[in-house]
Amino acid sequence: MMITQKLKVAFSTLVVVLCATTTFAQTNSDTMSKNYDQGFRLGIGVNAGYVFQNPYDFALGADARLQYDLSKRYSVTLTTGFSNLFVSGKKNDLGFIPVKLGFKAFVWNDQFYIMGEGGAAFAVTNNYDKNSLLLAPSIGYASKYIDISLRYEHYANFPKLNDNGTIGKGVGQLGIRVAYGFEL
């Protein structure tokens, strides 16, 4: 539990520092991009992650992300797919469909970005019928076709096994996403 809290604090600090650095480093030519072609991009990705809470071992998934570029530096996103939190032994895994809205800001060389996403995770496996709030800050690198990101994803309402053996709520994972993207 302490590791999760420390990761949250470290990641939040990193996001604030990157935002502050980017805000002061912009020039007028960067902020005045009137002729930028706004448009849609689609990315198809695979995800893998380490889950911090018991009884889960790891996470795997695939997603599709629709991105609308507001400007050269800012985009809004809609992401969905399928993710699975694996449990070792005879216990049931937890599979779900995430639906997330996000905001992406390119902070360095128009390739490195920070992004925040929020939405819901809809459980679809093993007769588990609960849904969860989903929050996911991330950092990443995107070229014309490749997008690689590292993110922390938190599922506020999914069950976890507490250290004392009771059932609690709140599952977090540190994941990596590798995607192929293209303009629509």
N, C-alpha and C. Protein backbone atom coordinates (compact mmCIF):
# COMPACT_ATOMS: atom_id res chain seq x y z
N MET A 1 0.82 -1.19 0.00
CA MET A 1 0.00 0.00 0.00
C MET A 1 0.86 1.25 0.00
N MET A 2 1.97 1.24 0.75
CA MET A 2 2.85 2.39 0.82
C MET A 2 3.53 2.61 -0.53
N ILE A 3 3.85 1.54 -1.26
CA ILE A 3 4.49 1.68 -2.57
C ILE A 3 3.54 2.39 -3.52
N THR A 4 2.26 2.03 -3.49
CA THR A 4 1.28 2.66 -4.37
C THR A 4 1.18 4.15 -4.07
N GLN A 5 1.11 4.53 -2.81
CA GLN A 5 1.04 5.93 -2.43
C GLN A 5 2.28 6.69 -2.89
N LYS A 6 3.45 6.10 -2.71
CA LYS A 6 4.70 6.75 -3.12
C LYS A 6 4.74 6.92 -4.63
N LEU A 7 4.26 5.92 -5.39
CA LEU A 7 4.23 6.04 -6.84
C LEU A 7 3.26 7.14 -7.28
N LYS A 8 2.11 7.23 -6.61
CA LYS A 8 1.15 8.28 -6.94
C LYS A 8 1.76 9.66 -6.71
N VAL A 9 2.43 9.85 -5.58
CA VAL A 9 3.04 11.13 -5.26
C VAL A 9 4.15 11.46 -6.25
N ALA A 10 5.01 10.48 -6.56
CA ALA A 10 6.11 10.70 -7.49
C ALA A 10 5.58 11.04 -8.88
N PHE A 11 4.57 10.32 -9.34
CA PHE A 11 4.02 10.58 -10.67
C PHE A 11 3.34 11.95 -10.72
N SER A 12 2.59 12.31 -9.68
CA SER A 12 1.94 13.61 -9.62
C SER A 12 2.96 14.74 -9.65
N THR A 13 4.04 14.57 -8.92
CA THR A 13 5.10 15.58 -8.89
C THR A 13 5.72 15.73 -10.27
N LEU A 14 5.97 14.61 -10.95
CA LEU A 14 6.53 14.64 -12.30
C LEU A 14 5.61 15.38 -13.26
N VAL A 15 4.32 15.12 -13.19
CA VAL A 15 3.36 15.79 -14.07
C VAL A 15 3.36 17.29 -13.83
N VAL A 16 3.37 17.73 -12.57
CA VAL A 16 3.36 19.15 -12.24
C VAL A 16 4.63 19.83 -12.76
N VAL A 17 5.78 19.18 -12.57
CA VAL A 17 7.06 19.75 -13.03
C VAL A 17 7.06 19.87 -14.55
N LEU A 18 6.61 18.84 -15.25
CA LEU A 18 6.57 18.89 -16.71
C LEU A 18 5.64 19.97 -17.21
N CYS A 19 4.48 20.11 -16.57
CA CYS A 19 3.54 21.15 -16.98
C CYS A 19 4.12 22.54 -16.77
N ALA A 20 4.74 22.76 -15.62
CA ALA A 20 5.32 24.06 -15.31
C ALA A 20 6.46 24.38 -16.27
N THR A 21 7.31 23.42 -16.56
CA THR A 21 8.42 23.62 -17.47
C THR A 21 7.91 23.96 -18.86
N THR A 22 6.91 23.24 -19.31
CA THR A 22 6.36 23.46 -20.65
C THR A 22 5.69 24.82 -20.75
N THR A 23 4.96 25.21 -19.74
CA THR A 23 4.26 26.48 -19.77
C THR A 23 5.22 27.64 -19.94
N PHE A 24 6.35 27.63 -19.24
CA PHE A 24 7.29 28.73 -19.32
C PHE A 24 8.22 28.63 -20.52
N ALA A 25 8.32 27.47 -21.14
CA ALA A 25 9.26 27.29 -22.25
C ALA A 25 8.66 27.58 -23.61
N GLN A 26 7.36 27.81 -23.69
CA GLN A 26 6.72 28.04 -24.98
C GLN A 26 7.05 29.43 -25.50
N THR A 27 7.13 29.53 -26.83
CA THR A 27 7.32 30.82 -27.48
C THR A 27 6.04 31.19 -28.22
N ASN A 28 5.99 32.41 -28.73
CA ASN A 28 4.79 32.84 -29.45
C ASN A 28 4.54 32.01 -30.68
N SER A 29 5.59 31.57 -31.37
CA SER A 29 5.37 30.77 -32.58
C SER A 29 4.76 29.42 -32.24
N ASP A 30 5.03 28.89 -31.05
CA ASP A 30 4.44 27.62 -30.64
C ASP A 30 2.97 27.76 -30.31
N THR A 31 2.61 28.85 -29.69
CA THR A 31 1.23 29.01 -29.24
C THR A 31 0.31 29.54 -30.35
N MET A 32 0.88 30.13 -31.39
CA MET A 32 0.07 30.68 -32.47
C MET A 32 0.15 29.78 -33.70
N SER A 33 -0.50 28.64 -33.65
CA SER A 33 -0.49 27.72 -34.78
C SER A 33 -1.86 27.71 -35.44
N LYS A 34 -2.21 28.82 -36.09
CA LYS A 34 -3.53 28.97 -36.69
C LYS A 34 -3.74 28.05 -37.88
N ASN A 35 -2.69 27.72 -38.62
CA ASN A 35 -2.82 26.94 -39.84
C ASN A 35 -2.62 25.46 -39.62
N TYR A 36 -2.62 25.00 -38.41
CA TYR A 36 -2.41 23.59 -38.13
C TYR A 36 -3.64 22.79 -38.57
N ASP A 37 -3.40 21.68 -39.28
CA ASP A 37 -4.51 20.83 -39.73
C ASP A 37 -5.04 20.02 -38.57
N GLN A 38 -6.20 20.42 -38.09
CA GLN A 38 -6.84 19.63 -37.05
C GLN A 38 -7.41 18.38 -37.69
N GLY A 39 -7.40 17.28 -36.95
CA GLY A 39 -7.93 16.07 -37.53
C GLY A 39 -7.89 14.91 -36.56
N PHE A 40 -8.38 13.79 -37.04
CA PHE A 40 -8.48 12.58 -36.22
C PHE A 40 -7.33 11.63 -36.51
N ARG A 41 -6.94 10.89 -35.47
CA ARG A 41 -5.98 9.80 -35.56
C ARG A 41 -6.59 8.60 -34.85
N LEU A 42 -6.19 7.43 -35.29
CA LEU A 42 -6.63 6.20 -34.64
C LEU A 42 -5.39 5.39 -34.28
N GLY A 43 -5.35 4.90 -33.05
CA GLY A 43 -4.24 4.07 -32.59
C GLY A 43 -4.77 2.73 -32.08
N ILE A 44 -4.09 1.66 -32.48
CA ILE A 44 -4.42 0.32 -32.01
C ILE A 44 -3.24 -0.14 -31.16
N GLY A 45 -3.51 -0.50 -29.89
CA GLY A 45 -2.41 -0.79 -28.98
C GLY A 45 -2.58 -2.05 -28.17
N VAL A 46 -1.46 -2.51 -27.62
CA VAL A 46 -1.45 -3.61 -26.65
C VAL A 46 -0.89 -3.06 -25.35
N ASN A 47 -1.38 -3.62 -24.23
CA ASN A 47 -1.02 -3.14 -22.90
C ASN A 47 -0.55 -4.30 -22.03
N ALA A 48 0.41 -4.03 -21.19
CA ALA A 48 0.84 -4.99 -20.17
C ALA A 48 1.14 -4.20 -18.91
N GLY A 49 0.83 -4.79 -17.75
CA GLY A 49 1.04 -4.05 -16.51
C GLY A 49 1.27 -4.93 -15.31
N TYR A 50 1.88 -4.30 -14.30
CA TYR A 50 2.09 -4.93 -13.00
C TYR A 50 1.00 -4.40 -12.07
N VAL A 51 0.22 -5.31 -11.48
CA VAL A 51 -0.86 -4.93 -10.57
C VAL A 51 -0.33 -4.94 -9.14
N PHE A 52 -0.55 -3.87 -8.40
CA PHE A 52 0.01 -3.71 -7.06
C PHE A 52 -0.74 -4.46 -5.97
N GLN A 53 -2.02 -4.74 -6.15
CA GLN A 53 -2.81 -5.34 -5.09
C GLN A 53 -3.02 -6.84 -5.34
N ASN A 54 -3.14 -7.58 -4.23
CA ASN A 54 -3.50 -8.99 -4.28
C ASN A 54 -4.99 -9.09 -4.54
N PRO A 55 -5.48 -10.11 -5.15
CA PRO A 55 -4.84 -11.35 -5.57
C PRO A 55 -4.32 -11.33 -6.99
N TYR A 56 -4.25 -10.14 -7.62
CA TYR A 56 -3.90 -10.04 -9.03
C TYR A 56 -2.39 -10.13 -9.22
N ASP A 57 -1.99 -10.78 -10.33
CA ASP A 57 -0.58 -10.95 -10.64
C ASP A 57 -0.10 -9.95 -11.69
N PHE A 58 -0.82 -9.86 -12.80
CA PHE A 58 -0.44 -8.95 -13.87
C PHE A 58 -1.67 -8.64 -14.71
N ALA A 59 -1.50 -7.69 -15.63
CA ALA A 59 -2.61 -7.27 -16.50
C ALA A 59 -2.15 -7.31 -17.96
N LEU A 60 -3.07 -7.70 -18.84
CA LEU A 60 -2.85 -7.66 -20.29
C LEU A 60 -4.11 -7.11 -20.94
N GLY A 61 -3.94 -6.43 -22.07
CA GLY A 61 -5.10 -5.91 -22.76
C GLY A 61 -4.77 -5.37 -24.13
N ALA A 62 -5.80 -4.96 -24.83
CA ALA A 62 -5.68 -4.33 -26.14
C ALA A 62 -6.69 -3.19 -26.19
N ASP A 63 -6.37 -2.15 -26.96
CA ASP A 63 -7.28 -1.02 -27.03
C ASP A 63 -7.24 -0.33 -28.38
N ALA A 64 -8.22 0.52 -28.59
CA ALA A 64 -8.28 1.43 -29.72
C ALA A 64 -8.47 2.83 -29.16
N ARG A 65 -7.68 3.77 -29.66
CA ARG A 65 -7.76 5.15 -29.17
C ARG A 65 -8.02 6.09 -30.34
N LEU A 66 -9.12 6.82 -30.25
CA LEU A 66 -9.44 7.86 -31.22
C LEU A 66 -8.95 9.17 -30.64
N GLN A 67 -8.16 9.90 -31.43
CA GLN A 67 -7.56 11.14 -30.96
C GLN A 67 -7.93 12.26 -31.92
N TYR A 68 -8.39 13.39 -31.35
CA TYR A 68 -8.67 14.57 -32.16
C TYR A 68 -7.67 15.64 -31.77
N ASP A 69 -6.89 16.09 -32.74
CA ASP A 69 -5.86 17.10 -32.49
C ASP A 69 -6.49 18.49 -32.51
N LEU A 70 -6.50 19.14 -31.36
CA LEU A 70 -7.00 20.50 -31.27
C LEU A 70 -6.01 21.49 -31.85
N SER A 71 -4.72 21.20 -31.65
CA SER A 71 -3.63 22.00 -32.17
C SER A 71 -2.42 21.07 -32.29
N LYS A 72 -1.28 21.64 -32.60
CA LYS A 72 -0.08 20.81 -32.72
C LYS A 72 0.32 20.21 -31.38
N ARG A 73 -0.05 20.85 -30.29
CA ARG A 73 0.38 20.42 -28.96
C ARG A 73 -0.72 19.77 -28.11
N TYR A 74 -1.98 19.96 -28.44
CA TYR A 74 -3.05 19.50 -27.56
C TYR A 74 -4.06 18.63 -28.32
N SER A 75 -4.48 17.56 -27.67
CA SER A 75 -5.43 16.62 -28.26
C SER A 75 -6.40 16.13 -27.19
N VAL A 76 -7.58 15.71 -27.64
CA VAL A 76 -8.52 15.01 -26.77
C VAL A 76 -8.61 13.57 -27.28
N THR A 77 -8.85 12.64 -26.38
CA THR A 77 -8.85 11.22 -26.74
C THR A 77 -10.07 10.50 -26.20
N LEU A 78 -10.42 9.42 -26.88
CA LEU A 78 -11.44 8.48 -26.45
C LEU A 78 -10.84 7.09 -26.64
N THR A 79 -10.71 6.34 -25.55
CA THR A 79 -10.06 5.03 -25.58
C THR A 79 -10.99 3.96 -25.04
N THR A 80 -11.02 2.82 -25.73
CA THR A 80 -11.75 1.65 -25.25
C THR A 80 -11.05 0.39 -25.72
N GLY A 81 -11.41 -0.74 -25.17
CA GLY A 81 -10.78 -2.01 -25.54
C GLY A 81 -11.19 -3.11 -24.59
N PHE A 82 -10.24 -3.97 -24.25
CA PHE A 82 -10.47 -5.03 -23.27
C PHE A 82 -9.19 -5.21 -22.46
N SER A 83 -9.33 -5.33 -21.14
CA SER A 83 -8.21 -5.57 -20.24
C SER A 83 -8.56 -6.72 -19.31
N ASN A 84 -7.55 -7.44 -18.87
CA ASN A 84 -7.76 -8.57 -17.97
C ASN A 84 -6.73 -8.51 -16.84
N LEU A 85 -7.22 -8.58 -15.60
CA LEU A 85 -6.35 -8.69 -14.44
C LEU A 85 -6.28 -10.17 -14.08
N PHE A 86 -5.10 -10.77 -14.21
CA PHE A 86 -4.93 -12.20 -14.03
C PHE A 86 -4.68 -12.56 -12.57
N VAL A 87 -5.28 -13.68 -12.15
CA VAL A 87 -5.12 -14.22 -10.80
C VAL A 87 -4.52 -15.61 -10.95
N SER A 88 -3.48 -15.91 -10.17
CA SER A 88 -2.89 -17.25 -10.25
C SER A 88 -3.77 -18.24 -9.49
N GLY A 89 -3.65 -19.52 -9.85
CA GLY A 89 -4.44 -20.55 -9.19
C GLY A 89 -5.80 -20.70 -9.81
N LYS A 90 -6.76 -21.19 -9.01
CA LYS A 90 -8.09 -21.50 -9.51
C LYS A 90 -9.06 -20.33 -9.39
N LYS A 91 -8.59 -19.22 -8.90
CA LYS A 91 -9.48 -18.07 -8.72
C LYS A 91 -9.79 -17.43 -10.06
N ASN A 92 -10.87 -16.67 -10.10
CA ASN A 92 -11.33 -16.04 -11.34
C ASN A 92 -10.55 -14.77 -11.64
N ASP A 93 -10.18 -14.62 -12.91
CA ASP A 93 -9.58 -13.37 -13.38
C ASP A 93 -10.68 -12.31 -13.46
N LEU A 94 -10.26 -11.06 -13.60
CA LEU A 94 -11.21 -9.96 -13.74
C LEU A 94 -10.99 -9.30 -15.10
N GLY A 95 -11.91 -9.52 -16.02
CA GLY A 95 -11.84 -8.91 -17.34
C GLY A 95 -12.84 -7.76 -17.42
N PHE A 96 -12.44 -6.69 -18.10
CA PHE A 96 -13.31 -5.52 -18.16
C PHE A 96 -13.07 -4.73 -19.45
N ILE A 97 -14.05 -3.91 -19.77
CA ILE A 97 -13.96 -3.00 -20.91
C ILE A 97 -13.79 -1.58 -20.35
N PRO A 98 -12.63 -0.97 -20.57
CA PRO A 98 -12.44 0.41 -20.13
C PRO A 98 -12.97 1.39 -21.18
N VAL A 99 -13.58 2.46 -20.74
CA VAL A 99 -14.00 3.56 -21.61
C VAL A 99 -13.49 4.83 -20.96
N LYS A 100 -12.54 5.50 -21.66
CA LYS A 100 -11.86 6.66 -21.05
C LYS A 100 -11.87 7.85 -22.00
N LEU A 101 -12.09 9.03 -21.44
CA LEU A 101 -11.89 10.30 -22.13
C LEU A 101 -10.60 10.90 -21.59
N GLY A 102 -9.83 11.53 -22.47
CA GLY A 102 -8.56 12.06 -22.01
C GLY A 102 -8.15 13.35 -22.68
N PHE A 103 -7.11 13.95 -22.13
CA PHE A 103 -6.49 15.16 -22.67
C PHE A 103 -5.00 14.92 -22.75
N LYS A 104 -4.43 15.14 -23.93
CA LYS A 104 -3.00 14.88 -24.18
C LYS A 104 -2.32 16.20 -24.51
N ALA A 105 -1.20 16.47 -23.85
CA ALA A 105 -0.42 17.69 -24.09
C ALA A 105 1.02 17.31 -24.43
N PHE A 106 1.47 17.70 -25.61
CA PHE A 106 2.85 17.46 -26.00
C PHE A 106 3.72 18.53 -25.36
N VAL A 107 4.74 18.08 -24.62
CA VAL A 107 5.52 19.00 -23.81
C VAL A 107 6.96 19.19 -24.28
N TRP A 108 7.43 18.36 -25.20
CA TRP A 108 8.82 18.49 -25.65
C TRP A 108 8.96 17.93 -27.06
N ASN A 109 9.46 18.75 -27.96
CA ASN A 109 9.73 18.36 -29.34
C ASN A 109 8.50 17.82 -30.08
N ASP A 110 7.32 18.15 -29.65
CA ASP A 110 6.07 17.66 -30.26
C ASP A 110 6.01 16.14 -30.36
N GLN A 111 6.76 15.44 -29.50
CA GLN A 111 6.74 13.98 -29.49
C GLN A 111 6.54 13.42 -28.09
N PHE A 112 7.07 14.07 -27.07
CA PHE A 112 6.91 13.59 -25.69
C PHE A 112 5.69 14.28 -25.09
N TYR A 113 4.86 13.48 -24.42
CA TYR A 113 3.60 14.03 -23.93
C TYR A 113 3.28 13.56 -22.52
N ILE A 114 2.35 14.30 -21.92
CA ILE A 114 1.68 13.87 -20.68
C ILE A 114 0.20 13.80 -21.01
N MET A 115 -0.48 12.90 -20.33
CA MET A 115 -1.90 12.71 -20.62
C MET A 115 -2.63 12.30 -19.35
N GLY A 116 -3.85 12.77 -19.24
CA GLY A 116 -4.73 12.34 -18.17
C GLY A 116 -6.00 11.78 -18.76
N GLU A 117 -6.44 10.64 -18.23
CA GLU A 117 -7.67 10.02 -18.71
C GLU A 117 -8.56 9.68 -17.52
N GLY A 118 -9.84 9.72 -17.74
CA GLY A 118 -10.81 9.32 -16.73
C GLY A 118 -11.99 8.67 -17.40
N GLY A 119 -12.60 7.75 -16.68
CA GLY A 119 -13.76 7.07 -17.26
C GLY A 119 -14.26 5.97 -16.38
N ALA A 120 -14.71 4.89 -17.02
CA ALA A 120 -15.30 3.77 -16.29
C ALA A 120 -14.73 2.46 -16.82
N ALA A 121 -14.70 1.46 -15.94
CA ALA A 121 -14.30 0.10 -16.30
C ALA A 121 -15.52 -0.79 -16.06
N PHE A 122 -15.98 -1.45 -17.12
CA PHE A 122 -17.18 -2.28 -17.06
C PHE A 122 -16.77 -3.75 -17.03
N ALA A 123 -16.93 -4.40 -15.88
CA ALA A 123 -16.54 -5.80 -15.72
C ALA A 123 -17.43 -6.68 -16.59
N VAL A 124 -16.81 -7.67 -17.28
CA VAL A 124 -17.58 -8.51 -18.21
C VAL A 124 -17.28 -10.01 -18.06
N THR A 125 -16.47 -10.42 -17.10
CA THR A 125 -16.13 -11.84 -16.98
C THR A 125 -16.51 -12.41 -15.62
N ASN A 126 -16.70 -13.72 -15.59
CA ASN A 126 -16.87 -14.51 -14.37
C ASN A 126 -18.00 -14.03 -13.48
N ASN A 127 -19.09 -13.58 -14.09
CA ASN A 127 -20.28 -13.15 -13.36
C ASN A 127 -20.02 -12.01 -12.38
N TYR A 128 -18.94 -11.27 -12.57
CA TYR A 128 -18.69 -10.10 -11.74
C TYR A 128 -19.39 -8.93 -12.42
N ASP A 129 -20.39 -8.36 -11.77
CA ASP A 129 -21.23 -7.35 -12.42
C ASP A 129 -21.04 -5.94 -11.89
N LYS A 130 -19.94 -5.68 -11.23
CA LYS A 130 -19.67 -4.33 -10.70
C LYS A 130 -18.85 -3.54 -11.72
N ASN A 131 -19.01 -2.24 -11.69
CA ASN A 131 -18.24 -1.34 -12.54
C ASN A 131 -17.37 -0.47 -11.65
N SER A 132 -16.43 0.24 -12.25
CA SER A 132 -15.50 1.01 -11.44
C SER A 132 -15.16 2.34 -12.10
N LEU A 133 -14.92 3.35 -11.27
CA LEU A 133 -14.30 4.59 -11.73
C LEU A 133 -12.87 4.26 -12.12
N LEU A 134 -12.39 4.83 -13.20
CA LEU A 134 -11.04 4.57 -13.70
C LEU A 134 -10.33 5.90 -13.92
N LEU A 135 -9.14 6.05 -13.34
CA LEU A 135 -8.31 7.24 -13.53
C LEU A 135 -6.93 6.80 -14.00
N ALA A 136 -6.36 7.51 -14.99
CA ALA A 136 -5.10 7.05 -15.57
C ALA A 136 -4.24 8.21 -16.07
N PRO A 137 -3.29 8.70 -15.27
CA PRO A 137 -2.29 9.63 -15.78
C PRO A 137 -1.18 8.86 -16.50
N SER A 138 -0.59 9.48 -17.53
CA SER A 138 0.47 8.78 -18.27
C SER A 138 1.46 9.77 -18.86
N ILE A 139 2.62 9.24 -19.21
CA ILE A 139 3.64 9.97 -19.96
C ILE A 139 4.00 9.09 -21.15
N GLY A 140 4.41 9.72 -22.26
CA GLY A 140 4.70 8.90 -23.42
C GLY A 140 5.46 9.60 -24.51
N TYR A 141 5.72 8.82 -25.57
CA TYR A 141 6.40 9.28 -26.76
C TYR A 141 5.56 8.86 -27.96
N ALA A 142 5.35 9.80 -28.89
CA ALA A 142 4.57 9.49 -30.08
C ALA A 142 5.28 10.05 -31.31
N SER A 143 5.46 9.19 -32.31
CA SER A 143 5.95 9.63 -33.61
C SER A 143 4.76 9.60 -34.58
N LYS A 144 5.03 9.65 -35.87
CA LYS A 144 3.93 9.65 -36.85
C LYS A 144 3.12 8.36 -36.78
N TYR A 145 3.77 7.22 -36.47
CA TYR A 145 3.07 5.94 -36.46
C TYR A 145 3.13 5.17 -35.14
N ILE A 146 4.10 5.45 -34.28
CA ILE A 146 4.31 4.68 -33.05
C ILE A 146 3.99 5.53 -31.83
N ASP A 147 3.33 4.92 -30.85
CA ASP A 147 3.01 5.58 -29.58
C ASP A 147 3.36 4.62 -28.45
N ILE A 148 4.28 5.04 -27.58
CA ILE A 148 4.70 4.23 -26.43
C ILE A 148 4.46 5.06 -25.18
N SER A 149 3.74 4.49 -24.21
CA SER A 149 3.46 5.27 -23.00
C SER A 149 3.55 4.39 -21.75
N LEU A 150 3.80 5.07 -20.65
CA LEU A 150 3.85 4.47 -19.32
C LEU A 150 2.76 5.15 -18.51
N ARG A 151 1.91 4.35 -17.84
CA ARG A 151 0.81 4.96 -17.11
C ARG A 151 0.54 4.22 -15.80
N TYR A 152 -0.03 4.97 -14.88
CA TYR A 152 -0.60 4.37 -13.67
C TYR A 152 -2.10 4.38 -13.89
N GLU A 153 -2.74 3.25 -13.66
CA GLU A 153 -4.19 3.15 -13.84
C GLU A 153 -4.80 2.69 -12.52
N HIS A 154 -5.81 3.41 -12.05
CA HIS A 154 -6.45 3.09 -10.78
C HIS A 154 -7.93 2.80 -11.01
N TYR A 155 -8.37 1.65 -10.48
CA TYR A 155 -9.77 1.23 -10.55
C TYR A 155 -10.33 1.33 -9.13
N ALA A 156 -11.09 2.37 -8.87
CA ALA A 156 -11.50 2.70 -7.51
C ALA A 156 -12.42 1.66 -6.87
N ASN A 157 -13.23 0.96 -7.66
CA ASN A 157 -14.25 0.09 -7.08
C ASN A 157 -14.03 -1.41 -7.29
N PHE A 158 -12.92 -1.80 -7.90
CA PHE A 158 -12.66 -3.23 -8.08
C PHE A 158 -12.11 -3.83 -6.79
N PRO A 159 -12.44 -5.09 -6.52
CA PRO A 159 -12.04 -5.70 -5.24
C PRO A 159 -10.55 -6.04 -5.19
N LYS A 160 -10.02 -5.95 -3.96
CA LYS A 160 -8.65 -6.36 -3.70
C LYS A 160 -8.64 -7.14 -2.40
N LEU A 161 -7.58 -7.87 -2.18
CA LEU A 161 -7.42 -8.64 -0.95
C LEU A 161 -6.49 -7.86 -0.03
N ASN A 162 -7.01 -7.40 1.10
CA ASN A 162 -6.20 -6.65 2.06
C ASN A 162 -5.19 -7.55 2.75
N ASP A 163 -4.19 -6.96 3.39
CA ASP A 163 -3.15 -7.72 4.09
C ASP A 163 -3.71 -8.58 5.22
N ASN A 164 -4.82 -8.16 5.81
CA ASN A 164 -5.40 -8.93 6.92
C ASN A 164 -6.41 -9.98 6.44
N GLY A 165 -6.53 -10.17 5.10
CA GLY A 165 -7.41 -11.19 4.55
C GLY A 165 -8.81 -10.74 4.21
N THR A 166 -9.16 -9.50 4.54
CA THR A 166 -10.50 -8.99 4.21
C THR A 166 -10.51 -8.47 2.77
N ILE A 167 -11.71 -8.30 2.26
CA ILE A 167 -11.86 -7.77 0.91
C ILE A 167 -12.02 -6.26 0.98
N GLY A 168 -11.22 -5.55 0.18
CA GLY A 168 -11.30 -4.09 0.12
C GLY A 168 -11.60 -3.65 -1.30
N LYS A 169 -11.49 -2.36 -1.54
CA LYS A 169 -11.72 -1.80 -2.87
C LYS A 169 -10.54 -0.94 -3.26
N GLY A 170 -10.27 -0.89 -4.57
CA GLY A 170 -9.22 -0.03 -5.10
C GLY A 170 -8.03 -0.84 -5.59
N VAL A 171 -7.87 -0.92 -6.90
CA VAL A 171 -6.78 -1.68 -7.51
C VAL A 171 -6.00 -0.73 -8.42
N GLY A 172 -4.68 -0.81 -8.36
CA GLY A 172 -3.83 0.02 -9.20
C GLY A 172 -2.84 -0.81 -9.97
N GLN A 173 -2.48 -0.33 -11.16
CA GLN A 173 -1.46 -1.01 -11.95
C GLN A 173 -0.57 0.02 -12.63
N LEU A 174 0.69 -0.37 -12.83
CA LEU A 174 1.63 0.40 -13.62
C LEU A 174 1.78 -0.34 -14.93
N GLY A 175 1.41 0.31 -16.03
CA GLY A 175 1.36 -0.39 -17.31
C GLY A 175 2.10 0.34 -18.41
N ILE A 176 2.41 -0.41 -19.44
CA ILE A 176 3.02 0.14 -20.64
C ILE A 176 2.10 -0.16 -21.82
N ARG A 177 2.02 0.80 -22.72
CA ARG A 177 1.19 0.66 -23.93
C ARG A 177 2.07 0.90 -25.14
N VAL A 178 1.98 0.01 -26.11
CA VAL A 178 2.67 0.16 -27.39
C VAL A 178 1.59 0.12 -28.46
N ALA A 179 1.57 1.15 -29.32
CA ALA A 179 0.49 1.26 -30.29
C ALA A 179 1.00 1.70 -31.66
N TYR A 180 0.24 1.32 -32.67
CA TYR A 180 0.45 1.79 -34.03
C TYR A 180 -0.68 2.77 -34.33
N GLY A 181 -0.34 3.97 -34.77
CA GLY A 181 -1.35 4.99 -35.04
C GLY A 181 -1.24 5.54 -36.44
N PHE A 182 -2.36 6.09 -36.93
CA PHE A 182 -2.39 6.66 -38.27
C PHE A 182 -3.50 7.71 -38.35
N GLU A 183 -3.38 8.61 -39.32
CA GLU A 183 -4.39 9.64 -39.53
C GLU A 183 -5.61 9.04 -40.22
N LEU A 184 -6.77 9.57 -39.88
CA LEU A 184 -8.01 9.14 -40.55
C LEU A 184 -8.39 10.13 -41.62
